[in-house]
């Protein structure tokens, strides 16, 4: 289990790096960075969980979905992220996680672009 986790953590960087060396992604106001420890950073905050799912076949890093959470973020809110890279395009779905089921849902979808650097 730990070996599989380490392999997946290491490979998460390929999601961002495969298209360009050390390229971060800007998705709306969110900056995604694949850190050397294998964990994704969102606006310089390490996500608290991440799960990688290949959309077509195993180890196809051009067609991948990464689910992440950030609980709590620096602003005190909790966020759920769904990063999808497919057919040469990438986008990020973000949901503000509600503390009460009766609260309204806030969901956004953002196209992602590489940040040269």
C-alpha atoms as a PDB file:
ATOM      1  CA  UNK A   1       0.000   0.000   0.000  1.00  0.00           C
ATOM      2  CA  UNK A   2       2.726   2.469   0.976  1.00  0.00           C
ATOM      3  CA  UNK A   3       4.768   1.595  -2.118  1.00  0.00           C
ATOM      4  CA  UNK A   4       1.741   2.221  -4.357  1.00  0.00           C
ATOM      5  CA  UNK A   5       1.058   5.514  -2.567  1.00  0.00           C
ATOM      6  CA  UNK A   6       4.647   6.670  -3.051  1.00  0.00           C
ATOM      7  CA  UNK A   7       4.586   5.740  -6.725  1.00  0.00           C
ATOM      8  CA  UNK A   8       1.348   7.651  -7.266  1.00  0.00           C
ATOM      9  CA  UNK A   9       2.622  10.633  -5.289  1.00  0.00           C
ATOM     10  CA  UNK A  10       5.762  10.744  -7.393  1.00  0.00           C
ATOM     11  CA  UNK A  11       3.839  10.388 -10.629  1.00  0.00           C
ATOM     12  CA  UNK A  12       1.357  13.159  -9.840  1.00  0.00           C
ATOM     13  CA  UNK A  13       4.039  15.577 -10.976  1.00  0.00           C
ATOM     14  CA  UNK A  14       3.803  14.122 -14.457  1.00  0.00           C
ATOM     15  CA  UNK A  15       0.321  15.549 -14.822  1.00  0.00           C
ATOM     16  CA  UNK A  16       1.730  19.055 -14.870  1.00  0.00           C
ATOM     17  CA  UNK A  17       5.267  18.415 -16.043  1.00  0.00           C
ATOM     18  CA  UNK A  18       4.488  16.208 -19.055  1.00  0.00           C
ATOM     19  CA  UNK A  19       3.409  19.221 -21.089  1.00  0.00           C
ATOM     20  CA  UNK A  20       6.295  21.454 -20.035  1.00  0.00           C
ATOM     21  CA  UNK A  21       9.091  21.348 -17.517  1.00  0.00           C
ATOM     22  CA  UNK A  22       8.074  22.820 -14.162  1.00  0.00           C
ATOM     23  CA  UNK A  23       4.994  24.462 -15.669  1.00  0.00           C
ATOM     24  CA  UNK A  24       2.430  25.496 -13.103  1.00  0.00           C
ATOM     25  CA  UNK A  25      -1.182  25.817 -14.177  1.00  0.00           C
ATOM     26  CA  UNK A  26      -3.484  28.790 -13.745  1.00  0.00           C
ATOM     27  CA  UNK A  27      -7.133  27.787 -13.493  1.00  0.00           C
ATOM     28  CA  UNK A  28      -9.124  30.941 -12.832  1.00  0.00           C
ATOM     29  CA  UNK A  29      -7.736  32.373  -9.587  1.00  0.00           C
ATOM     30  CA  UNK A  30      -6.265  29.007  -8.597  1.00  0.00           C
ATOM     31  CA  UNK A  31      -2.591  28.197  -9.235  1.00  0.00           C
ATOM     32  CA  UNK A  32      -1.765  24.473  -9.311  1.00  0.00           C
ATOM     33  CA  UNK A  33       1.792  23.338  -8.665  1.00  0.00           C
ATOM     34  CA  UNK A  34       3.093  19.761  -8.670  1.00  0.00           C
ATOM     35  CA  UNK A  35       5.608  19.772  -5.817  1.00  0.00           C
ATOM     36  CA  UNK A  36       8.653  17.512  -5.636  1.00  0.00           C
ATOM     37  CA  UNK A  37       7.097  15.577  -2.727  1.00  0.00           C
ATOM     38  CA  UNK A  38       4.318  14.359  -5.057  1.00  0.00           C
ATOM     39  CA  UNK A  39       1.569  16.466  -3.517  1.00  0.00           C
ATOM     40  CA  UNK A  40      -0.263  19.162  -5.424  1.00  0.00           C
ATOM     41  CA  UNK A  41      -0.172  22.720  -4.101  1.00  0.00           C
ATOM     42  CA  UNK A  42      -3.144  25.008  -4.707  1.00  0.00           C
ATOM     43  CA  UNK A  43      -2.229  28.666  -4.243  1.00  0.00           C
ATOM     44  CA  UNK A  44       0.867  27.503  -2.315  1.00  0.00           C
ATOM     45  CA  UNK A  45      -1.166  25.337   0.091  1.00  0.00           C
ATOM     46  CA  UNK A  46      -0.602  21.571   0.189  1.00  0.00           C
ATOM     47  CA  UNK A  47      -3.825  19.659  -0.466  1.00  0.00           C
ATOM     48  CA  UNK A  48      -4.969  17.402   2.369  1.00  0.00           C
ATOM     49  CA  UNK A  49      -5.950  14.522   0.070  1.00  0.00           C
ATOM     50  CA  UNK A  50      -5.580  13.575  -3.573  1.00  0.00           C
ATOM     51  CA  UNK A  51      -6.665  10.617  -5.684  1.00  0.00           C
ATOM     52  CA  UNK A  52      -5.547   9.944  -9.253  1.00  0.00           C
ATOM     53  CA  UNK A  53      -7.800   8.164 -11.753  1.00  0.00           C
ATOM     54  CA  UNK A  54      -6.743   7.343 -15.307  1.00  0.00           C
ATOM     55  CA  UNK A  55      -9.596   8.053 -17.717  1.00  0.00           C
ATOM     56  CA  UNK A  56      -8.636   5.719 -20.561  1.00  0.00           C
ATOM     57  CA  UNK A  57      -5.815   3.354 -19.661  1.00  0.00           C
ATOM     58  CA  UNK A  58      -3.280   2.931 -16.869  1.00  0.00           C
ATOM     59  CA  UNK A  59      -0.384   5.418 -16.819  1.00  0.00           C
ATOM     60  CA  UNK A  60      -1.978   7.584 -19.538  1.00  0.00           C
ATOM     61  CA  UNK A  61      -1.041  10.949 -18.022  1.00  0.00           C
ATOM     62  CA  UNK A  62      -2.670  12.822 -20.910  1.00  0.00           C
ATOM     63  CA  UNK A  63      -6.110  11.559 -19.828  1.00  0.00           C
ATOM     64  CA  UNK A  64      -6.283  11.764 -16.059  1.00  0.00           C
ATOM     65  CA  UNK A  65      -8.530  13.015 -13.269  1.00  0.00           C
ATOM     66  CA  UNK A  66      -7.210  14.132  -9.891  1.00  0.00           C
ATOM     67  CA  UNK A  67      -9.599  14.655  -6.977  1.00  0.00           C
ATOM     68  CA  UNK A  68      -8.223  16.808  -4.165  1.00  0.00           C
ATOM     69  CA  UNK A  69      -9.420  18.471  -0.983  1.00  0.00           C
ATOM     70  CA  UNK A  70      -8.056  21.377   0.987  1.00  0.00           C
ATOM     71  CA  UNK A  71      -9.483  21.348   4.500  1.00  0.00           C
ATOM     72  CA  UNK A  72      -9.255  23.933   5.850  1.00  0.00           C
ATOM     73  CA  UNK A  73      -7.613  26.484   3.580  1.00  0.00           C
ATOM     74  CA  UNK A  74      -5.907  29.608   4.925  1.00  0.00           C
ATOM     75  CA  UNK A  75      -9.153  31.511   4.446  1.00  0.00           C
ATOM     76  CA  UNK A  76     -10.918  29.092   6.825  1.00  0.00           C
ATOM     77  CA  UNK A  77     -13.083  27.478   4.149  1.00  0.00           C
ATOM     78  CA  UNK A  78     -12.931  23.906   2.871  1.00  0.00           C
ATOM     79  CA  UNK A  79     -12.600  23.182  -0.853  1.00  0.00           C
ATOM     80  CA  UNK A  80     -13.008  20.178  -3.108  1.00  0.00           C
ATOM     81  CA  UNK A  81     -11.118  20.153  -6.413  1.00  0.00           C
ATOM     82  CA  UNK A  82     -11.500  17.987  -9.498  1.00  0.00           C
ATOM     83  CA  UNK A  83      -8.676  18.502 -12.007  1.00  0.00           C
ATOM     84  CA  UNK A  84      -9.261  16.880 -15.398  1.00  0.00           C
ATOM     85  CA  UNK A  85      -6.743  16.657 -18.209  1.00  0.00           C
ATOM     86  CA  UNK A  86      -8.161  15.124 -21.386  1.00  0.00           C
ATOM     87  CA  UNK A  87      -7.548  15.439 -25.123  1.00  0.00           C
ATOM     88  CA  UNK A  88      -4.895  18.134 -24.657  1.00  0.00           C
ATOM     89  CA  UNK A  89      -7.136  20.340 -22.524  1.00  0.00           C
ATOM     90  CA  UNK A  90      -7.230  20.814 -18.770  1.00  0.00           C
ATOM     91  CA  UNK A  91      -9.858  22.253 -16.472  1.00  0.00           C
ATOM     92  CA  UNK A  92     -10.533  22.522 -12.763  1.00  0.00           C
ATOM     93  CA  UNK A  93     -13.888  22.129 -11.031  1.00  0.00           C
ATOM     94  CA  UNK A  94     -14.002  23.679  -7.558  1.00  0.00           C
ATOM     95  CA  UNK A  95     -16.654  23.346  -4.871  1.00  0.00           C
ATOM     96  CA  UNK A  96     -16.813  25.277  -1.639  1.00  0.00           C
ATOM     97  CA  UNK A  97     -17.618  22.504   0.828  1.00  0.00           C
ATOM     98  CA  UNK A  98     -20.613  23.393   2.954  1.00  0.00           C
ATOM     99  CA  UNK A  99     -20.683  23.059   6.713  1.00  0.00           C
ATOM    100  CA  UNK A 100     -24.450  22.685   6.650  1.00  0.00           C
ATOM    101  CA  UNK A 101     -26.432  20.682   4.113  1.00  0.00           C
ATOM    102  CA  UNK A 102     -29.014  23.488   3.940  1.00  0.00           C
ATOM    103  CA  UNK A 103     -26.407  26.018   2.789  1.00  0.00           C
ATOM    104  CA  UNK A 104     -26.307  26.929  -0.914  1.00  0.00           C
ATOM    105  CA  UNK A 105     -23.752  25.171  -3.118  1.00  0.00           C
ATOM    106  CA  UNK A 106     -20.954  27.169  -4.722  1.00  0.00           C
ATOM    107  CA  UNK A 107     -19.345  25.425  -7.689  1.00  0.00           C
ATOM    108  CA  UNK A 108     -17.064  26.824 -10.384  1.00  0.00           C
ATOM    109  CA  UNK A 109     -15.352  25.414 -13.457  1.00  0.00           C
ATOM    110  CA  UNK A 110     -12.160  26.971 -14.821  1.00  0.00           C
ATOM    111  CA  UNK A 111     -10.057  26.362 -17.924  1.00  0.00           C
ATOM    112  CA  UNK A 112      -6.391  25.792 -17.085  1.00  0.00           C
ATOM    113  CA  UNK A 113      -3.424  27.348 -18.843  1.00  0.00           C
ATOM    114  CA  UNK A 114       0.286  26.713 -18.371  1.00  0.00           C
ATOM    115  CA  UNK A 115       2.269  29.407 -16.612  1.00  0.00           C
ATOM    116  CA  UNK A 116       5.730  29.620 -18.181  1.00  0.00           C
ATOM    117  CA  UNK A 117       8.517  29.738 -15.744  1.00  0.00           C
END
